[in-house]
Amino acid sequence: MAAAPLYCVCRQPYDFNRFMIECDICKDWFHGSCVQVVEHHAADIDVYHCPNCEPIHGPSMMKKRNNWHRHDYTEPNDGTLPVQAGTAVFVQQLQARSFVSGDEILLPMDGSQVTQCYLEREGFHYPIVVHDLDGLGLKLPPPSFTVSDVEHYVGKSSVCVHCICCLSDNSPGECLISTL
């Protein structure tokens, strides 16, 4: 039986469970952890040079950044697409904005005022703050209550129609618990 080929600076066989990166010069494979390349940063590398090839061919070359306002900053449509949430540009723009005080937009109500009739008549256009829960008709769980507790009480694959944890991109009435 032939011995398995050895890779990386650690000279171990290929491991499908670990991230590996191929050197664009010598074509050898390296464990990211052995050559200090994190998997999600590897997408930013255009040409990778391993520790053996780097002294001769220079450092790895990174992809050119065209769009600092997009997650895929190598897109050719430089500047024509909107800023994406979570990018450095988005965060800078968000930090530069000023926002009204919560007191200016929050609607304070007593629990007895928040009824089905009220919500059907007035709609839900502003966030409501309920300081006095009496009359609200809801019993809130303790602050330590989690989605895992909901799973425990209703079951892992239960379909839930009125639970707040269902307010997601899932199908209507499909509770997040069923995807845990």
C-alpha atoms as a PDB file:
ATOM      1  CA  MET A   1       0.000   0.000   0.000  1.00  0.00           C
ATOM      2  CA  ALA A   2       1.392   3.396  -1.032  1.00  0.00           C
ATOM      3  CA  ALA A   3       1.905   5.991   1.656  1.00  0.00           C
ATOM      4  CA  ALA A   4      -0.412   8.991   1.557  1.00  0.00           C
ATOM      5  CA  PRO A   5       1.227  12.122   0.121  1.00  0.00           C
ATOM      6  CA  LEU A   6       2.391  14.631   2.729  1.00  0.00           C
ATOM      7  CA  TYR A   7       1.592  18.331   2.539  1.00  0.00           C
ATOM      8  CA  CYS A   8       2.241  21.579   4.359  1.00  0.00           C
ATOM      9  CA  VAL A   9       5.183  22.634   6.501  1.00  0.00           C
ATOM     10  CA  CYS A  10       3.962  20.086   9.070  1.00  0.00           C
ATOM     11  CA  ARG A  11       4.318  17.277   6.461  1.00  0.00           C
ATOM     12  CA  GLN A  12       0.966  15.661   7.253  1.00  0.00           C
ATOM     13  CA  PRO A  13      -1.492  13.974   4.837  1.00  0.00           C
ATOM     14  CA  TYR A  14      -4.331  16.046   3.362  1.00  0.00           C
ATOM     15  CA  ASP A  15      -7.048  16.594   5.961  1.00  0.00           C
ATOM     16  CA  PHE A  16     -10.556  17.280   4.585  1.00  0.00           C
ATOM     17  CA  ASN A  17     -11.635  18.648   7.973  1.00  0.00           C
ATOM     18  CA  ARG A  18      -9.111  21.488   8.027  1.00  0.00           C
ATOM     19  CA  PHE A  19      -8.879  24.553   5.799  1.00  0.00           C
ATOM     20  CA  MET A  20      -5.985  24.302   3.355  1.00  0.00           C
ATOM     21  CA  ILE A  21      -4.611  26.750   0.791  1.00  0.00           C
ATOM     22  CA  GLU A  22      -2.589  25.970  -2.337  1.00  0.00           C
ATOM     23  CA  CYS A  23       0.597  27.859  -3.159  1.00  0.00           C
ATOM     24  CA  ASP A  24       0.324  29.398  -6.627  1.00  0.00           C
ATOM     25  CA  ILE A  25       4.059  28.831  -7.222  1.00  0.00           C
ATOM     26  CA  CYS A  26       4.964  25.328  -5.982  1.00  0.00           C
ATOM     27  CA  LYS A  27       1.361  24.001  -6.008  1.00  0.00           C
ATOM     28  CA  ASP A  28       1.809  22.410  -2.557  1.00  0.00           C
ATOM     29  CA  TRP A  29      -1.089  22.570  -0.066  1.00  0.00           C
ATOM     30  CA  PHE A  30      -0.826  24.144   3.389  1.00  0.00           C
ATOM     31  CA  HIS A  31      -3.037  24.104   6.474  1.00  0.00           C
ATOM     32  CA  GLY A  32      -4.204  27.656   7.084  1.00  0.00           C
ATOM     33  CA  SER A  33      -3.355  27.293  10.764  1.00  0.00           C
ATOM     34  CA  CYS A  34       0.236  26.272   9.898  1.00  0.00           C
ATOM     35  CA  VAL A  35       0.840  29.289   7.622  1.00  0.00           C
ATOM     36  CA  GLN A  36      -1.267  31.861   9.520  1.00  0.00           C
ATOM     37  CA  VAL A  37      -3.995  32.200   6.849  1.00  0.00           C
ATOM     38  CA  VAL A  38      -7.522  32.391   8.227  1.00  0.00           C
ATOM     39  CA  GLU A  39     -10.095  30.799   5.909  1.00  0.00           C
ATOM     40  CA  HIS A  40     -12.320  33.858   5.524  1.00  0.00           C
ATOM     41  CA  HIS A  41      -9.253  36.011   4.700  1.00  0.00           C
ATOM     42  CA  ALA A  42      -8.155  33.594   1.969  1.00  0.00           C
ATOM     43  CA  ALA A  43     -10.858  35.026  -0.313  1.00  0.00           C
ATOM     44  CA  ASP A  44      -8.906  38.314  -0.253  1.00  0.00           C
ATOM     45  CA  ILE A  45      -5.722  36.665  -1.587  1.00  0.00           C
ATOM     46  CA  ASP A  46      -5.240  36.876  -5.357  1.00  0.00           C
ATOM     47  CA  VAL A  47      -1.929  34.967  -5.579  1.00  0.00           C
ATOM     48  CA  TYR A  48      -0.751  32.951  -2.554  1.00  0.00           C
ATOM     49  CA  HIS A  49       2.969  32.371  -1.905  1.00  0.00           C
ATOM     50  CA  CYS A  50       3.787  29.778   0.752  1.00  0.00           C
ATOM     51  CA  PRO A  51       6.568  30.266   3.343  1.00  0.00           C
ATOM     52  CA  ASN A  52       8.983  28.314   1.086  1.00  0.00           C
ATOM     53  CA  CYS A  53       8.272  30.396  -2.058  1.00  0.00           C
ATOM     54  CA  GLU A  54       7.868  33.796  -0.397  1.00  0.00           C
ATOM     55  CA  PRO A  55      11.637  34.480   0.017  1.00  0.00           C
ATOM     56  CA  ILE A  56      12.156  33.989  -3.746  1.00  0.00           C
ATOM     57  CA  HIS A  57       8.880  35.322  -5.228  1.00  0.00           C
ATOM     58  CA  GLY A  58       7.863  37.890  -2.621  1.00  0.00           C
ATOM     59  CA  PRO A  59       4.758  38.081  -0.451  1.00  0.00           C
ATOM     60  CA  SER A  60       1.321  36.909  -1.519  1.00  0.00           C
ATOM     61  CA  MET A  61      -0.656  39.404  -3.598  1.00  0.00           C
ATOM     62  CA  MET A  62      -4.017  40.600  -2.375  1.00  0.00           C
ATOM     63  CA  LYS A  63      -7.023  41.305  -4.596  1.00  0.00           C
ATOM     64  CA  LYS A  64      -7.441  44.907  -5.659  1.00  0.00           C
ATOM     65  CA  ARG A  65     -10.151  46.717  -3.715  1.00  0.00           C
ATOM     66  CA  ASN A  66     -12.541  48.472  -6.071  1.00  0.00           C
ATOM     67  CA  ASN A  67     -15.591  48.880  -3.899  1.00  0.00           C
ATOM     68  CA  TRP A  68     -14.994  49.668  -0.254  1.00  0.00           C
ATOM     69  CA  HIS A  69     -18.759  50.097   0.075  1.00  0.00           C
ATOM     70  CA  ARG A  70     -19.564  46.486  -0.903  1.00  0.00           C
ATOM     71  CA  HIS A  71     -18.848  43.127   0.756  1.00  0.00           C
ATOM     72  CA  ASP A  72     -17.512  41.783  -2.548  1.00  0.00           C
ATOM     73  CA  TYR A  73     -15.131  44.663  -3.104  1.00  0.00           C
ATOM     74  CA  THR A  74     -13.752  43.119  -6.306  1.00  0.00           C
ATOM     75  CA  GLU A  75     -17.018  43.692  -8.221  1.00  0.00           C
ATOM     76  CA  PRO A  76     -16.359  45.500 -11.506  1.00  0.00           C
ATOM     77  CA  ASN A  77     -19.310  47.938 -11.037  1.00  0.00           C
ATOM     78  CA  ASP A  78     -17.236  50.391  -9.021  1.00  0.00           C
ATOM     79  CA  GLY A  79     -19.504  52.960  -7.417  1.00  0.00           C
ATOM     80  CA  THR A  80     -22.731  52.076  -9.203  1.00  0.00           C
ATOM     81  CA  LEU A  81     -24.169  49.838  -6.487  1.00  0.00           C
ATOM     82  CA  PRO A  82     -25.463  51.076  -3.114  1.00  0.00           C
ATOM     83  CA  VAL A  83     -23.528  50.870   0.129  1.00  0.00           C
ATOM     84  CA  GLN A  84     -24.075  47.527   1.865  1.00  0.00           C
ATOM     85  CA  ALA A  85     -24.824  47.281   5.575  1.00  0.00           C
ATOM     86  CA  GLY A  86     -21.853  46.156   7.620  1.00  0.00           C
ATOM     87  CA  THR A  87     -19.110  47.520   5.348  1.00  0.00           C
ATOM     88  CA  ALA A  88     -16.576  50.037   6.658  1.00  0.00           C
ATOM     89  CA  VAL A  89     -18.188  52.771   4.537  1.00  0.00           C
ATOM     90  CA  PHE A  90     -21.639  51.929   5.959  1.00  0.00           C
ATOM     91  CA  VAL A  91     -20.323  52.105   9.538  1.00  0.00           C
ATOM     92  CA  GLN A  92     -18.627  55.471   8.851  1.00  0.00           C
ATOM     93  CA  GLN A  93     -21.837  56.882   7.341  1.00  0.00           C
ATOM     94  CA  LEU A  94     -23.892  55.548  10.237  1.00  0.00           C
ATOM     95  CA  GLN A  95     -21.537  57.095  12.807  1.00  0.00           C
ATOM     96  CA  ALA A  96     -21.751  60.455  11.028  1.00  0.00           C
ATOM     97  CA  ARG A  97     -25.564  60.539  11.221  1.00  0.00           C
ATOM     98  CA  SER A  98     -27.572  62.048  14.022  1.00  0.00           C
ATOM     99  CA  PHE A  99     -30.738  60.398  15.259  1.00  0.00           C
ATOM    100  CA  VAL A 100     -33.733  61.739  17.136  1.00  0.00           C
ATOM    101  CA  SER A 101     -34.075  60.836  20.762  1.00  0.00           C
ATOM    102  CA  GLY A 102     -36.104  57.739  21.551  1.00  0.00           C
ATOM    103  CA  ASP A 103     -38.373  59.972  23.640  1.00  0.00           C
ATOM    104  CA  GLU A 104     -39.429  61.739  20.425  1.00  0.00           C
ATOM    105  CA  ILE A 105     -40.655  58.590  18.657  1.00  0.00           C
ATOM    106  CA  LEU A 106     -41.626  56.149  21.423  1.00  0.00           C
ATOM    107  CA  LEU A 107     -45.318  56.073  22.288  1.00  0.00           C
ATOM    108  CA  PRO A 108     -45.752  55.555  26.057  1.00  0.00           C
ATOM    109  CA  MET A 109     -48.882  53.593  26.922  1.00  0.00           C
ATOM    110  CA  ASP A 110     -50.327  51.667  29.842  1.00  0.00           C
ATOM    111  CA  GLY A 111     -50.915  47.964  29.368  1.00  0.00           C
ATOM    112  CA  SER A 112     -54.684  48.421  29.515  1.00  0.00           C
ATOM    113  CA  GLN A 113     -54.500  50.803  26.523  1.00  0.00           C
ATOM    114  CA  VAL A 114     -52.734  48.325  24.237  1.00  0.00           C
ATOM    115  CA  THR A 115     -55.663  46.277  23.040  1.00  0.00           C
ATOM    116  CA  GLN A 116     -56.468  44.443  19.846  1.00  0.00           C
ATOM    117  CA  CYS A 117     -59.108  47.088  19.054  1.00  0.00           C
ATOM    118  CA  TYR A 118     -56.563  49.894  19.532  1.00  0.00           C
ATOM    119  CA  LEU A 119     -54.003  48.241  17.266  1.00  0.00           C
ATOM    120  CA  GLU A 120     -56.619  47.472  14.582  1.00  0.00           C
ATOM    121  CA  ARG A 121     -57.894  51.061  14.695  1.00  0.00           C
ATOM    122  CA  GLU A 122     -54.587  52.944  15.004  1.00  0.00           C
ATOM    123  CA  GLY A 123     -52.133  50.511  13.490  1.00  0.00           C
ATOM    124  CA  PHE A 124     -48.582  50.085  14.662  1.00  0.00           C
ATOM    125  CA  HIS A 125     -46.673  53.063  13.250  1.00  0.00           C
ATOM    126  CA  TYR A 126     -44.394  53.869  16.198  1.00  0.00           C
ATOM    127  CA  PRO A 127     -42.676  51.742  18.823  1.00  0.00           C
ATOM    128  CA  ILE A 128     -44.798  51.416  21.944  1.00  0.00           C
ATOM    129  CA  VAL A 129     -43.282  51.446  25.431  1.00  0.00           C
ATOM    130  CA  VAL A 130     -45.450  49.853  28.101  1.00  0.00           C
ATOM    131  CA  HIS A 131     -44.226  50.803  31.566  1.00  0.00           C
ATOM    132  CA  ASP A 132     -47.273  49.540  33.472  1.00  0.00           C
ATOM    133  CA  LEU A 133     -47.993  45.975  32.341  1.00  0.00           C
ATOM    134  CA  ASP A 134     -51.276  45.728  34.263  1.00  0.00           C
ATOM    135  CA  GLY A 135     -54.118  45.082  31.869  1.00  0.00           C
ATOM    136  CA  LEU A 136     -51.843  44.130  28.994  1.00  0.00           C
ATOM    137  CA  GLY A 137     -53.110  40.574  29.073  1.00  0.00           C
ATOM    138  CA  LEU A 138     -49.647  39.104  28.715  1.00  0.00           C
ATOM    139  CA  LYS A 139     -47.416  37.432  31.208  1.00  0.00           C
ATOM    140  CA  LEU A 140     -43.781  38.037  30.319  1.00  0.00           C
ATOM    141  CA  PRO A 141     -41.232  35.317  31.019  1.00  0.00           C
ATOM    142  CA  PRO A 142     -38.254  36.108  33.232  1.00  0.00           C
ATOM    143  CA  PRO A 143     -35.290  37.858  31.535  1.00  0.00           C
ATOM    144  CA  SER A 144     -33.347  34.589  31.639  1.00  0.00           C
ATOM    145  CA  PHE A 145     -35.926  32.900  29.339  1.00  0.00           C
ATOM    146  CA  THR A 146     -34.374  31.957  25.965  1.00  0.00           C
ATOM    147  CA  VAL A 147     -35.389  30.381  22.657  1.00  0.00           C
ATOM    148  CA  SER A 148     -33.964  27.140  24.045  1.00  0.00           C
ATOM    149  CA  ASP A 149     -36.600  27.340  26.799  1.00  0.00           C
ATOM    150  CA  VAL A 150     -39.316  27.726  24.145  1.00  0.00           C
ATOM    151  CA  GLU A 151     -37.928  24.651  22.393  1.00  0.00           C
ATOM    152  CA  HIS A 152     -38.071  22.773  25.690  1.00  0.00           C
ATOM    153  CA  TYR A 153     -41.740  23.682  26.274  1.00  0.00           C
ATOM    154  CA  VAL A 154     -43.176  23.284  22.760  1.00  0.00           C
ATOM    155  CA  GLY A 155     -40.800  20.766  21.195  1.00  0.00           C
ATOM    156  CA  LYS A 156     -38.016  21.090  18.677  1.00  0.00           C
ATOM    157  CA  SER A 157     -40.089  20.742  15.514  1.00  0.00           C
ATOM    158  CA  SER A 158     -43.313  22.439  16.626  1.00  0.00           C
ATOM    159  CA  VAL A 159     -44.890  24.963  14.294  1.00  0.00           C
ATOM    160  CA  CYS A 160     -45.715  28.180  16.101  1.00  0.00           C
ATOM    161  CA  VAL A 161     -48.074  30.865  14.785  1.00  0.00           C
ATOM    162  CA  HIS A 162     -47.993  33.678  17.364  1.00  0.00           C
ATOM    163  CA  CYS A 163     -44.556  33.481  18.953  1.00  0.00           C
ATOM    164  CA  ILE A 164     -42.229  36.488  18.733  1.00  0.00           C
ATOM    165  CA  CYS A 165     -39.378  34.190  17.729  1.00  0.00           C
ATOM    166  CA  CYS A 166     -41.283  33.592  14.468  1.00  0.00           C
ATOM    167  CA  LEU A 167     -40.707  37.134  13.273  1.00  0.00           C
ATOM    168  CA  SER A 168     -38.017  36.144  10.796  1.00  0.00           C
ATOM    169  CA  ASP A 169     -37.458  35.508   7.116  1.00  0.00           C
ATOM    170  CA  ASN A 170     -38.876  32.014   7.576  1.00  0.00           C
ATOM    171  CA  SER A 171     -42.160  30.999   6.015  1.00  0.00           C
ATOM    172  CA  PRO A 172     -45.211  32.508   7.757  1.00  0.00           C
ATOM    173  CA  GLY A 173     -45.991  30.499  10.844  1.00  0.00           C
ATOM    174  CA  GLU A 174     -42.690  28.631  10.750  1.00  0.00           C
ATOM    175  CA  CYS A 175     -41.015  29.027  14.085  1.00  0.00           C
ATOM    176  CA  LEU A 176     -37.271  29.408  14.403  1.00  0.00           C
ATOM    177  CA  ILE A 177     -37.350  26.631  16.963  1.00  0.00           C
ATOM    178  CA  SER A 178     -37.936  24.098  14.205  1.00  0.00           C
ATOM    179  CA  THR A 179     -34.577  25.048  12.697  1.00  0.00           C
ATOM    180  CA  LEU A 180     -32.517  24.754  15.894  1.00  0.00           C
END
